[in-house]
PDB file of N, CA and C in Angstrom:
ATOM      1  N   MET A   1     159.375 -60.646  98.680  1.00  0.00           N
ATOM      2  CA  MET A   1     160.567 -61.687  98.174  1.00  0.00           C
ATOM      3  C   MET A   1     161.945 -60.914  98.311  1.00  0.00           C
ATOM      4  N   ILE A   2     161.907 -59.653  97.758  1.00  0.00           N
ATOM      5  CA  ILE A   2     163.241 -59.108  97.937  1.00  0.00           C
ATOM      6  C   ILE A   2     163.578 -58.655  99.444  1.00  0.00           C
ATOM      7  N   VAL A   3     162.629 -58.549 100.129  1.00  0.00           N
ATOM      8  CA  VAL A   3     162.686 -58.220 101.763  1.00  0.00           C
ATOM      9  C   VAL A   3     163.104 -59.630 102.414  1.00  0.00           C
ATOM     10  N   SER A   4     162.638 -60.695 102.002  1.00  0.00           N
ATOM     11  CA  SER A   4     163.134 -61.752 102.681  1.00  0.00           C
ATOM     12  C   SER A   4     164.489 -62.296 102.394  1.00  0.00           C
ATOM     13  N   LEU A   5     164.773 -61.989 101.035  1.00  0.00           N
ATOM     14  CA  LEU A   5     166.208 -62.073 100.566  1.00  0.00           C
ATOM     15  C   LEU A   5     167.316 -61.299 101.383  1.00  0.00           C
ATOM     16  N   VAL A   6     166.843 -60.077 101.422  1.00  0.00           N
ATOM     17  CA  VAL A   6     167.628 -59.198 102.305  1.00  0.00           C
ATOM     18  C   VAL A   6     167.890 -59.472 103.705  1.00  0.00           C
ATOM     19  N   TYR A   7     166.605 -60.014 104.456  1.00  0.00           N
ATOM     20  CA  TYR A   7     166.451 -60.503 105.597  1.00  0.00           C
ATOM     21  C   TYR A   7     167.469 -61.788 105.874  1.00  0.00           C
ATOM     22  N   ARG A   8     167.370 -62.554 104.911  1.00  0.00           N
ATOM     23  CA  ARG A   8     168.243 -63.847 105.122  1.00  0.00           C
ATOM     24  C   ARG A   8     169.505 -63.563 105.042  1.00  0.00           C
ATOM     25  N   VAL A   9     170.044 -62.465 104.036  1.00  0.00           N
ATOM     26  CA  VAL A   9     171.547 -62.112 103.829  1.00  0.00           C
ATOM     27  C   VAL A   9     171.924 -61.520 105.162  1.00  0.00           C
ATOM     28  N   THR A  10     171.244 -60.548 105.585  1.00  0.00           N
ATOM     29  CA  THR A  10     171.376 -59.870 106.667  1.00  0.00           C
ATOM     30  C   THR A  10     171.702 -60.830 108.024  1.00  0.00           C
ATOM     31  N   MET A  11     170.836 -61.747 108.180  1.00  0.00           N
ATOM     32  CA  MET A  11     170.749 -62.798 109.343  1.00  0.00           C
ATOM     33  C   MET A  11     172.090 -63.581 109.183  1.00  0.00           C
ATOM     34  N   LYS A  12     172.368 -64.111 107.890  1.00  0.00           N
ATOM     35  CA  LYS A  12     173.787 -64.760 107.793  1.00  0.00           C
ATOM     36  C   LYS A  12     174.907 -63.888 108.100  1.00  0.00           C
ATOM     37  N   LEU A  13     175.066 -62.696 107.612  1.00  0.00           N
ATOM     38  CA  LEU A  13     176.076 -61.834 107.763  1.00  0.00           C
ATOM     39  C   LEU A  13     176.095 -61.508 109.253  1.00  0.00           C
ATOM     40  N   LEU A  14     175.129 -61.368 109.936  1.00  0.00           N
ATOM     41  CA  LEU A  14     175.026 -60.966 111.533  1.00  0.00           C
ATOM     42  C   LEU A  14     175.462 -62.245 112.520  1.00  0.00           C
ATOM     43  N   SER A  15     175.212 -63.548 111.639  1.00  0.00           N
ATOM     44  CA  SER A  15     175.388 -64.559 112.480  1.00  0.00           C
ATOM     45  C   SER A  15     176.674 -65.056 112.608  1.00  0.00           C
ATOM     46  N   VAL A  16     177.538 -64.890 111.663  1.00  0.00           N
ATOM     47  CA  VAL A  16     179.028 -65.307 111.648  1.00  0.00           C
ATOM     48  C   VAL A  16     179.805 -64.585 112.728  1.00  0.00           C
ATOM     49  N   PRO A  17     179.666 -63.254 113.256  1.00  0.00           N
ATOM     50  CA  PRO A  17     180.279 -63.114 114.489  1.00  0.00           C
ATOM     51  C   PRO A  17     179.917 -63.800 115.774  1.00  0.00           C
ATOM     52  N   VAL A  18     178.610 -64.352 115.676  1.00  0.00           N
ATOM     53  CA  VAL A  18     177.880 -64.572 117.018  1.00  0.00           C
ATOM     54  C   VAL A  18     178.748 -65.869 117.209  1.00  0.00           C
ATOM     55  N   LEU A  19     179.204 -66.614 116.318  1.00  0.00           N
ATOM     56  CA  LEU A  19     179.937 -67.951 116.668  1.00  0.00           C
ATOM     57  C   LEU A  19     181.286 -67.497 117.178  1.00  0.00           C
ATOM     58  N   LEU A  20     181.895 -66.563 116.933  1.00  0.00           N
ATOM     59  CA  LEU A  20     183.129 -66.002 117.615  1.00  0.00           C
ATOM     60  C   LEU A  20     183.086 -65.555 118.937  1.00  0.00           C
ATOM     61  N   LEU A  21     182.462 -64.539 119.189  1.00  0.00           N
ATOM     62  CA  LEU A  21     182.313 -63.720 120.284  1.00  0.00           C
ATOM     63  C   LEU A  21     181.214 -63.456 120.676  1.00  0.00           C
ATOM     64  N   ARG A  22     180.335 -64.194 121.453  1.00  0.00           N
ATOM     65  CA  ARG A  22     179.004 -63.724 121.686  1.00  0.00           C
ATOM     66  C   ARG A  22     178.751 -62.478 122.386  1.00  0.00           C
ATOM     67  N   ARG A  23     179.625 -62.300 123.571  1.00  0.00           N
ATOM     68  CA  ARG A  23     179.322 -60.982 124.233  1.00  0.00           C
ATOM     69  C   ARG A  23     179.710 -59.821 123.520  1.00  0.00           C
ATOM     70  N   GLN A  24     180.887 -59.873 122.822  1.00  0.00           N
ATOM     71  CA  GLN A  24     180.939 -58.737 122.144  1.00  0.00           C
ATOM     72  C   GLN A  24     180.212 -58.593 121.020  1.00  0.00           C
ATOM     73  N   VAL A  25     179.632 -59.459 120.365  1.00  0.00           N
ATOM     74  CA  VAL A  25     178.604 -59.262 119.397  1.00  0.00           C
ATOM     75  C   VAL A  25     177.378 -58.741 119.964  1.00  0.00           C
ATOM     76  N   ALA A  26     177.036 -59.030 121.428  1.00  0.00           N
ATOM     77  CA  ALA A  26     175.649 -58.699 121.794  1.00  0.00           C
ATOM     78  C   ALA A  26     175.984 -57.022 122.201  1.00  0.00           C
ATOM     79  N   LYS A  27     177.158 -56.704 122.539  1.00  0.00           N
ATOM     80  CA  LYS A  27     177.343 -55.243 122.955  1.00  0.00           C
ATOM     81  C   LYS A  27     177.367 -54.596 121.636  1.00  0.00           C
ATOM     82  N   ASP A  28     177.963 -54.866 120.687  1.00  0.00           N
ATOM     83  CA  ASP A  28     177.920 -54.244 119.217  1.00  0.00           C
ATOM     84  C   ASP A  28     176.453 -54.219 118.738  1.00  0.00           C
ATOM     85  N   ALA A  29     175.837 -55.350 118.686  1.00  0.00           N
ATOM     86  CA  ALA A  29     174.301 -55.201 118.373  1.00  0.00           C
ATOM     87  C   ALA A  29     173.432 -54.008 119.049  1.00  0.00           C
ATOM     88  N   GLU A  30     173.755 -53.933 120.553  1.00  0.00           N
ATOM     89  CA  GLU A  30     172.969 -53.167 121.287  1.00  0.00           C
ATOM     90  C   GLU A  30     173.448 -51.613 120.733  1.00  0.00           C
ATOM     91  N   LEU A  31     174.720 -51.389 120.461  1.00  0.00           N
ATOM     92  CA  LEU A  31     175.076 -50.158 119.794  1.00  0.00           C
ATOM     93  C   LEU A  31     174.624 -49.837 118.539  1.00  0.00           C
ATOM     94  N   LEU A  32     174.410 -50.953 117.694  1.00  0.00           N
ATOM     95  CA  LEU A  32     173.830 -50.627 116.331  1.00  0.00           C
ATOM     96  C   LEU A  32     172.111 -50.416 116.489  1.00  0.00           C
ATOM     97  N   VAL A  33     171.482 -51.148 117.577  1.00  0.00           N
ATOM     98  CA  VAL A  33     170.227 -50.680 117.843  1.00  0.00           C
ATOM     99  C   VAL A  33     170.083 -49.396 118.392  1.00  0.00           C
ATOM    100  N   LEU A  34     170.828 -48.841 119.215  1.00  0.00           N
ATOM    101  CA  LEU A  34     170.694 -47.498 119.376  1.00  0.00           C
ATOM    102  C   LEU A  34     171.081 -46.440 118.554  1.00  0.00           C
ATOM    103  N   ARG A  35     171.892 -46.735 117.599  1.00  0.00           N
ATOM    104  CA  ARG A  35     172.556 -45.680 116.822  1.00  0.00           C
ATOM    105  C   ARG A  35     171.163 -45.880 115.591  1.00  0.00           C
ATOM    106  N   HIS A  36     170.494 -46.836 115.424  1.00  0.00           N
ATOM    107  CA  HIS A  36     169.619 -46.925 114.457  1.00  0.00           C
ATOM    108  C   HIS A  36     168.287 -46.078 114.922  1.00  0.00           C
ATOM    109  N   GLU A  37     168.132 -46.484 116.355  1.00  0.00           N
ATOM    110  CA  GLU A  37     166.953 -45.653 116.989  1.00  0.00           C
ATOM    111  C   GLU A  37     167.282 -44.149 116.786  1.00  0.00           C
ATOM    112  N   ASN A  38     168.461 -43.750 116.985  1.00  0.00           N
ATOM    113  CA  ASN A  38     168.882 -42.395 117.126  1.00  0.00           C
ATOM    114  C   ASN A  38     168.664 -41.883 115.657  1.00  0.00           C
ATOM    115  N   ALA A  39     169.079 -42.472 114.562  1.00  0.00           N
ATOM    116  CA  ALA A  39     168.714 -42.240 113.233  1.00  0.00           C
ATOM    117  C   ALA A  39     167.397 -42.054 112.759  1.00  0.00           C
ATOM    118  N   VAL A  40     166.297 -43.050 113.411  1.00  0.00           N
ATOM    119  CA  VAL A  40     165.128 -42.735 113.081  1.00  0.00           C
ATOM    120  C   VAL A  40     164.449 -41.605 113.839  1.00  0.00           C
ATOM    121  N   LEU A  41     164.907 -41.160 115.111  1.00  0.00           N
ATOM    122  CA  LEU A  41     164.401 -40.038 115.757  1.00  0.00           C
ATOM    123  C   LEU A  41     164.782 -38.769 115.095  1.00  0.00           C
ATOM    124  N   CYS A  42     165.964 -38.805 114.629  1.00  0.00           N
ATOM    125  CA  CYS A  42     166.599 -37.792 113.880  1.00  0.00           C
ATOM    126  C   CYS A  42     165.826 -37.456 112.716  1.00  0.00           C
ATOM    127  N   ARG A  43     165.354 -38.450 111.828  1.00  0.00           N
ATOM    128  CA  ARG A  43     164.538 -38.343 110.748  1.00  0.00           C
ATOM    129  C   ARG A  43     163.269 -37.827 111.072  1.00  0.00           C
ATOM    130  N   GLN A  44     162.957 -37.833 112.250  1.00  0.00           N
ATOM    131  CA  GLN A  44     161.208 -37.588 112.550  1.00  0.00           C
ATOM    132  C   GLN A  44     161.064 -36.754 113.759  1.00  0.00           C
ATOM    133  N   LEU A  45     161.918 -35.719 113.624  1.00  0.00           N
ATOM    134  CA  LEU A  45     161.938 -34.666 114.737  1.00  0.00           C
ATOM    135  C   LEU A  45     160.527 -34.093 115.213  1.00  0.00           C
ATOM    136  N   ALA A  46     159.979 -33.776 114.059  1.00  0.00           N
ATOM    137  CA  ALA A  46     158.678 -32.943 114.195  1.00  0.00           C
ATOM    138  C   ALA A  46     157.465 -33.766 114.636  1.00  0.00           C
ATOM    139  N   GLY A  47     157.292 -35.258 114.191  1.00  0.00           N
ATOM    140  CA  GLY A  47     156.135 -35.828 114.552  1.00  0.00           C
ATOM    141  C   GLY A  47     156.378 -37.142 115.432  1.00  0.00           C
ATOM    142  N   PRO A  48     155.387 -37.961 115.642  1.00  0.00           N
ATOM    143  CA  PRO A  48     155.567 -39.148 116.403  1.00  0.00           C
ATOM    144  C   PRO A  48     156.523 -40.027 115.394  1.00  0.00           C
ATOM    145  N   VAL A  49     157.070 -40.985 116.256  1.00  0.00           N
ATOM    146  CA  VAL A  49     158.019 -41.989 115.599  1.00  0.00           C
ATOM    147  C   VAL A  49     157.111 -43.082 115.068  1.00  0.00           C
ATOM    148  N   ARG A  50     157.399 -43.293 113.632  1.00  0.00           N
ATOM    149  CA  ARG A  50     156.954 -44.260 112.972  1.00  0.00           C
ATOM    150  C   ARG A  50     158.070 -44.937 112.270  1.00  0.00           C
ATOM    151  N   TYR A  51     157.984 -46.324 112.765  1.00  0.00           N
ATOM    152  CA  TYR A  51     159.154 -47.101 112.086  1.00  0.00           C
ATOM    153  C   TYR A  51     158.787 -47.699 110.762  1.00  0.00           C
ATOM    154  N   GLU A  52     159.454 -47.500 109.779  1.00  0.00           N
ATOM    155  CA  GLU A  52     159.490 -48.071 108.654  1.00  0.00           C
ATOM    156  C   GLU A  52     159.700 -49.477 108.464  1.00  0.00           C
ATOM    157  N   SER A  53     159.132 -50.170 107.467  1.00  0.00           N
ATOM    158  CA  SER A  53     159.661 -51.675 107.359  1.00  0.00           C
ATOM    159  C   SER A  53     161.065 -52.018 107.450  1.00  0.00           C
ATOM    160  N   ALA A  54     161.675 -51.055 106.874  1.00  0.00           N
ATOM    161  CA  ALA A  54     163.214 -51.174 106.949  1.00  0.00           C
ATOM    162  C   ALA A  54     163.741 -51.177 108.273  1.00  0.00           C
ATOM    163  N   ASP A  55     163.203 -50.508 108.974  1.00  0.00           N
ATOM    164  CA  ASP A  55     163.595 -50.349 110.517  1.00  0.00           C
ATOM    165  C   ASP A  55     163.247 -51.463 111.307  1.00  0.00           C
ATOM    166  N   ARG A  56     161.950 -51.892 110.905  1.00  0.00           N
ATOM    167  CA  ARG A  56     161.389 -53.134 111.677  1.00  0.00           C
ATOM    168  C   ARG A  56     162.317 -54.226 111.232  1.00  0.00           C
ATOM    169  N   LEU A  57     162.723 -54.341 110.245  1.00  0.00           N
ATOM    170  CA  LEU A  57     163.519 -55.508 109.435  1.00  0.00           C
ATOM    171  C   LEU A  57     164.919 -55.488 110.269  1.00  0.00           C
ATOM    172  N   TRP A  58     165.534 -54.452 110.412  1.00  0.00           N
ATOM    173  CA  TRP A  58     166.899 -54.241 111.128  1.00  0.00           C
ATOM    174  C   TRP A  58     166.948 -54.552 112.385  1.00  0.00           C
ATOM    175  N   PHE A  59     165.576 -54.214 113.312  1.00  0.00           N
ATOM    176  CA  PHE A  59     165.560 -54.544 114.694  1.00  0.00           C
ATOM    177  C   PHE A  59     165.115 -56.095 114.969  1.00  0.00           C
ATOM    178  N   ALA A  60     164.485 -56.654 113.949  1.00  0.00           N
ATOM    179  CA  ALA A  60     164.322 -57.977 114.069  1.00  0.00           C
ATOM    180  C   ALA A  60     165.522 -58.763 113.714  1.00  0.00           C
ATOM    181  N   ALA A  61     166.392 -58.222 112.872  1.00  0.00           N
ATOM    182  CA  ALA A  61     167.550 -59.020 112.773  1.00  0.00           C
ATOM    183  C   ALA A  61     168.330 -58.984 113.769  1.00  0.00           C
ATOM    184  N   LEU A  62     168.573 -57.802 114.330  1.00  0.00           N
ATOM    185  CA  LEU A  62     169.421 -57.749 115.534  1.00  0.00           C
ATOM    186  C   LEU A  62     169.102 -58.273 116.838  1.00  0.00           C
ATOM    187  N   SER A  63     167.751 -58.574 116.685  1.00  0.00           N
ATOM    188  CA  SER A  63     167.177 -59.298 118.039  1.00  0.00           C
ATOM    189  C   SER A  63     167.737 -60.473 118.334  1.00  0.00           C
ATOM    190  N   SER A  64     168.117 -61.245 117.379  1.00  0.00           N
ATOM    191  CA  SER A  64     168.714 -62.687 117.630  1.00  0.00           C
ATOM    192  C   SER A  64     170.224 -62.470 118.164  1.00  0.00           C
ATOM    193  N   LEU A  65     170.876 -61.493 118.200  1.00  0.00           N
ATOM    194  CA  LEU A  65     172.484 -61.346 118.531  1.00  0.00           C
ATOM    195  C   LEU A  65     171.965 -60.811 119.963  1.00  0.00           C
ATOM    196  N   ILE A  66     171.016 -60.383 120.641  1.00  0.00           N
ATOM    197  CA  ILE A  66     171.034 -59.683 121.814  1.00  0.00           C
ATOM    198  C   ILE A  66     170.308 -60.629 122.618  1.00  0.00           C
ATOM    199  N   PRO A  67     170.804 -61.062 123.926  1.00  0.00           N
ATOM    200  CA  PRO A  67     170.096 -61.820 124.951  1.00  0.00           C
ATOM    201  C   PRO A  67     168.574 -61.238 125.236  1.00  0.00           C
ATOM    202  N   ARG A  68     167.694 -62.177 125.278  1.00  0.00           N
ATOM    203  CA  ARG A  68     166.255 -61.951 125.281  1.00  0.00           C
ATOM    204  C   ARG A  68     166.185 -60.990 126.799  1.00  0.00           C
ATOM    205  N   ARG A  69     166.785 -61.242 127.785  1.00  0.00           N
ATOM    206  CA  ARG A  69     166.581 -60.524 128.956  1.00  0.00           C
ATOM    207  C   ARG A  69     167.002 -59.008 128.890  1.00  0.00           C
ATOM    208  N   ARG A  70     167.821 -58.667 127.902  1.00  0.00           N
ATOM    209  CA  ARG A  70     168.086 -57.405 127.597  1.00  0.00           C
ATOM    210  C   ARG A  70     167.165 -56.571 126.628  1.00  0.00           C
ATOM    211  N   TRP A  71     166.315 -57.198 126.000  1.00  0.00           N
ATOM    212  CA  TRP A  71     165.832 -56.628 125.237  1.00  0.00           C
ATOM    213  C   TRP A  71     164.757 -55.341 125.573  1.00  0.00           C
ATOM    214  N   ALA A  72     164.310 -55.573 126.792  1.00  0.00           N
ATOM    215  CA  ALA A  72     163.603 -54.301 127.490  1.00  0.00           C
ATOM    216  C   ALA A  72     164.466 -53.129 127.625  1.00  0.00           C
ATOM    217  N   GLN A  73     165.680 -53.215 127.939  1.00  0.00           N
ATOM    218  CA  GLN A  73     166.639 -52.000 127.985  1.00  0.00           C
ATOM    219  C   GLN A  73     167.202 -51.781 126.790  1.00  0.00           C
ATOM    220  N   VAL A  74     167.492 -52.272 125.697  1.00  0.00           N
ATOM    221  CA  VAL A  74     167.889 -52.109 124.467  1.00  0.00           C
ATOM    222  C   VAL A  74     166.959 -51.637 123.528  1.00  0.00           C
ATOM    223  N   PHE A  75     165.873 -52.109 122.992  1.00  0.00           N
ATOM    224  CA  PHE A  75     164.927 -51.773 121.824  1.00  0.00           C
ATOM    225  C   PHE A  75     163.985 -50.726 122.130  1.00  0.00           C
ATOM    226  N   PRO A  76     163.814 -49.771 121.135  1.00  0.00           N
ATOM    227  CA  PRO A  76     162.914 -48.519 121.701  1.00  0.00           C
ATOM    228  C   PRO A  76     161.609 -48.988 121.922  1.00  0.00           C
ATOM    229  N   VAL A  77     160.989 -50.320 121.648  1.00  0.00           N
ATOM    230  CA  VAL A  77     159.743 -50.966 121.737  1.00  0.00           C
ATOM    231  C   VAL A  77     159.759 -51.997 122.582  1.00  0.00           C
ATOM    232  N   THR A  78     158.682 -52.499 122.770  1.00  0.00           N
ATOM    233  CA  THR A  78     158.596 -53.686 124.030  1.00  0.00           C
ATOM    234  C   THR A  78     158.976 -54.791 122.978  1.00  0.00           C
ATOM    235  N   PRO A  79     159.508 -55.863 123.746  1.00  0.00           N
ATOM    236  CA  PRO A  79     159.705 -56.986 123.388  1.00  0.00           C
ATOM    237  C   PRO A  79     158.827 -57.807 122.513  1.00  0.00           C
ATOM    238  N   GLY A  80     157.371 -57.799 122.748  1.00  0.00           N
ATOM    239  CA  GLY A  80     156.405 -58.275 122.284  1.00  0.00           C
ATOM    240  C   GLY A  80     156.249 -57.831 120.735  1.00  0.00           C
ATOM    241  N   THR A  81     156.664 -56.335 120.581  1.00  0.00           N
ATOM    242  CA  THR A  81     156.509 -55.760 119.432  1.00  0.00           C
ATOM    243  C   THR A  81     157.481 -56.383 118.503  1.00  0.00           C
ATOM    244  N   VAL A  82     158.727 -56.268 118.911  1.00  0.00           N
ATOM    245  CA  VAL A  82     159.896 -56.946 118.161  1.00  0.00           C
ATOM    246  C   VAL A  82     159.446 -58.451 117.774  1.00  0.00           C
ATOM    247  N   LEU A  83     158.830 -59.112 118.818  1.00  0.00           N
ATOM    248  CA  LEU A  83     158.547 -60.583 118.286  1.00  0.00           C
ATOM    249  C   LEU A  83     157.347 -60.562 116.959  1.00  0.00           C
ATOM    250  N   ALA A  84     156.582 -59.806 117.213  1.00  0.00           N
ATOM    251  CA  ALA A  84     155.297 -59.534 116.369  1.00  0.00           C
ATOM    252  C   ALA A  84     155.866 -59.241 114.830  1.00  0.00           C
ATOM    253  N   TRP A  85     156.901 -58.133 114.918  1.00  0.00           N
ATOM    254  CA  TRP A  85     157.445 -57.938 113.758  1.00  0.00           C
ATOM    255  C   TRP A  85     158.136 -59.010 113.195  1.00  0.00           C
ATOM    256  N   HIS A  86     158.786 -59.811 113.873  1.00  0.00           N
ATOM    257  CA  HIS A  86     159.655 -60.966 113.514  1.00  0.00           C
ATOM    258  C   HIS A  86     158.492 -61.921 112.871  1.00  0.00           C
ATOM    259  N   ARG A  87     157.331 -62.240 113.537  1.00  0.00           N
ATOM    260  CA  ARG A  87     156.327 -63.093 113.129  1.00  0.00           C
ATOM    261  C   ARG A  87     155.547 -62.855 111.842  1.00  0.00           C
ATOM    262  N   ARG A  88     155.545 -61.146 111.750  1.00  0.00           N
ATOM    263  CA  ARG A  88     155.042 -60.784 110.392  1.00  0.00           C
ATOM    264  C   ARG A  88     155.884 -61.049 109.252  1.00  0.00           C
ATOM    265  N   LEU A  89     157.321 -61.065 109.690  1.00  0.00           N
ATOM    266  CA  LEU A  89     158.271 -61.220 108.500  1.00  0.00           C
ATOM    267  C   LEU A  89     157.961 -62.798 107.988  1.00  0.00           C
ATOM    268  N   VAL A  90     158.152 -63.553 108.774  1.00  0.00           N
ATOM    269  CA  VAL A  90     158.120 -64.907 108.713  1.00  0.00           C
ATOM    270  C   VAL A  90     156.868 -65.496 108.087  1.00  0.00           C
ATOM    271  N   ALA A  91     155.834 -64.729 108.553  1.00  0.00           N
ATOM    272  CA  ALA A  91     154.374 -65.062 107.794  1.00  0.00           C
ATOM    273  C   ALA A  91     154.482 -64.559 106.303  1.00  0.00           C
ATOM    274  N   ARG A  92     154.939 -63.404 106.212  1.00  0.00           N
ATOM    275  CA  ARG A  92     154.956 -63.032 104.818  1.00  0.00           C
ATOM    276  C   ARG A  92     155.813 -63.631 103.882  1.00  0.00           C
ATOM    277  N   ARG A  93     156.994 -64.435 104.450  1.00  0.00           N
ATOM    278  CA  ARG A  93     157.695 -65.306 103.559  1.00  0.00           C
ATOM    279  C   ARG A  93     156.950 -66.529 103.242  1.00  0.00           C
ATOM    280  N   TRP A  94     156.200 -67.187 104.211  1.00  0.00           N
ATOM    281  CA  TRP A  94     155.709 -68.419 104.054  1.00  0.00           C
ATOM    282  C   TRP A  94     154.077 -68.368 103.801  1.00  0.00           C
ATOM    283  N   ASP A  95     153.492 -67.318 103.161  1.00  0.00           N
ATOM    284  CA  ASP A  95     152.061 -67.429 103.041  1.00  0.00           C
ATOM    285  C   ASP A  95     151.667 -67.700 101.747  1.00  0.00           C
ATOM    286  N   PHE A  96     152.501 -68.153 100.826  1.00  0.00           N
ATOM    287  CA  PHE A  96     152.235 -68.727  99.375  1.00  0.00           C
ATOM    288  C   PHE A  96     151.420 -68.032  98.558  1.00  0.00           C
ATOM    289  N   SER A  97     151.069 -66.676  98.946  1.00  0.00           N
ATOM    290  CA  SER A  97     149.928 -66.113  98.132  1.00  0.00           C
ATOM    291  C   SER A  97     150.684 -65.958  96.447  1.00  0.00           C
ATOM    292  N   TRP A  98     151.443 -66.090  96.062  1.00  0.00           N
ATOM    293  CA  TRP A  98     151.935 -66.370  94.595  1.00  0.00           C
ATOM    294  C   TRP A  98     151.266 -67.306  93.968  1.00  0.00           C
ATOM    295  N   ARG A  99     150.999 -68.502  94.954  1.00  0.00           N
ATOM    296  CA  ARG A  99     150.271 -69.872  94.437  1.00  0.00           C
ATOM    297  C   ARG A  99     148.665 -69.559  94.256  1.00  0.00           C
ATOM    298  N   ARG A 100     148.266 -68.661  94.737  1.00  0.00           N
ATOM    299  CA  ARG A 100     146.812 -68.683  94.880  1.00  0.00           C
ATOM    300  C   ARG A 100     146.443 -67.855  93.668  1.00  0.00           C
ATOM    301  N   SER A 101     145.400 -68.500  92.927  1.00  0.00           N
ATOM    302  CA  SER A 101     144.819 -67.724  91.930  1.00  0.00           C
ATOM    303  C   SER A 101     143.503 -66.685  92.157  1.00  0.00           C
ATOM    304  N   ARG A 102     142.955 -66.950  93.139  1.00  0.00           N
ATOM    305  CA  ARG A 102     142.042 -66.014  93.590  1.00  0.00           C
ATOM    306  C   ARG A 102     141.602 -66.537  94.873  1.00  0.00           C
ATOM    307  N   PRO A 103     141.177 -65.472  95.497  1.00  0.00           N
ATOM    308  CA  PRO A 103     140.470 -65.610  96.759  1.00  0.00           C
ATOM    309  C   PRO A 103     139.269 -66.581  96.976  1.00  0.00           C
ATOM    310  N   GLY A 104     139.029 -67.255  98.058  1.00  0.00           N
ATOM    311  CA  GLY A 104     137.991 -67.875  98.413  1.00  0.00           C
ATOM    312  C   GLY A 104     138.249 -69.590  98.022  1.00  0.00           C
ATOM    313  N   ARG A 105     137.130 -70.273  98.261  1.00  0.00           N
ATOM    314  CA  ARG A 105     137.269 -71.690  97.943  1.00  0.00           C
ATOM    315  C   ARG A 105     137.291 -72.099  96.488  1.00  0.00           C
ATOM    316  N   GLN A 106     138.035 -73.006  96.302  1.00  0.00           N
ATOM    317  CA  GLN A 106     138.313 -73.577  95.014  1.00  0.00           C
ATOM    318  C   GLN A 106     137.286 -74.526  94.477  1.00  0.00           C
ATOM    319  N   HIS A 107     136.751 -74.283  93.304  1.00  0.00           N
ATOM    320  CA  HIS A 107     135.481 -75.126  92.810  1.00  0.00           C
ATOM    321  C   HIS A 107     136.224 -76.235  91.909  1.00  0.00           C
ATOM    322  N   GLU A 108     135.677 -77.471  92.063  1.00  0.00           N
ATOM    323  CA  GLU A 108     136.353 -78.542  90.962  1.00  0.00           C
ATOM    324  C   GLU A 108     135.220 -78.784  89.937  1.00  0.00           C
TER     325      GLU A 108
END
């Protein structure tokens, strides 16, 4: 729940500049993606790159600011991976698991 709230706030904050200057925002978003990728790589110099949920959230939020045709050059992962992360974030938000009392079929 807190992740979805942070995601929504991040999206709202990042969408305000989009209305003003789309091109400049896309360039700035690309720079933010590259800086974040650099931070992740510096954090994991010794082993393979593992993106944490906060990293995935950040990349998914910035993906709406960058034109889709540029995703392959900007993001450190494939565009399909970014879309899958976004789908998982949305699915987690709308799964209604808090309503379920127990798994399985409900008996009346």
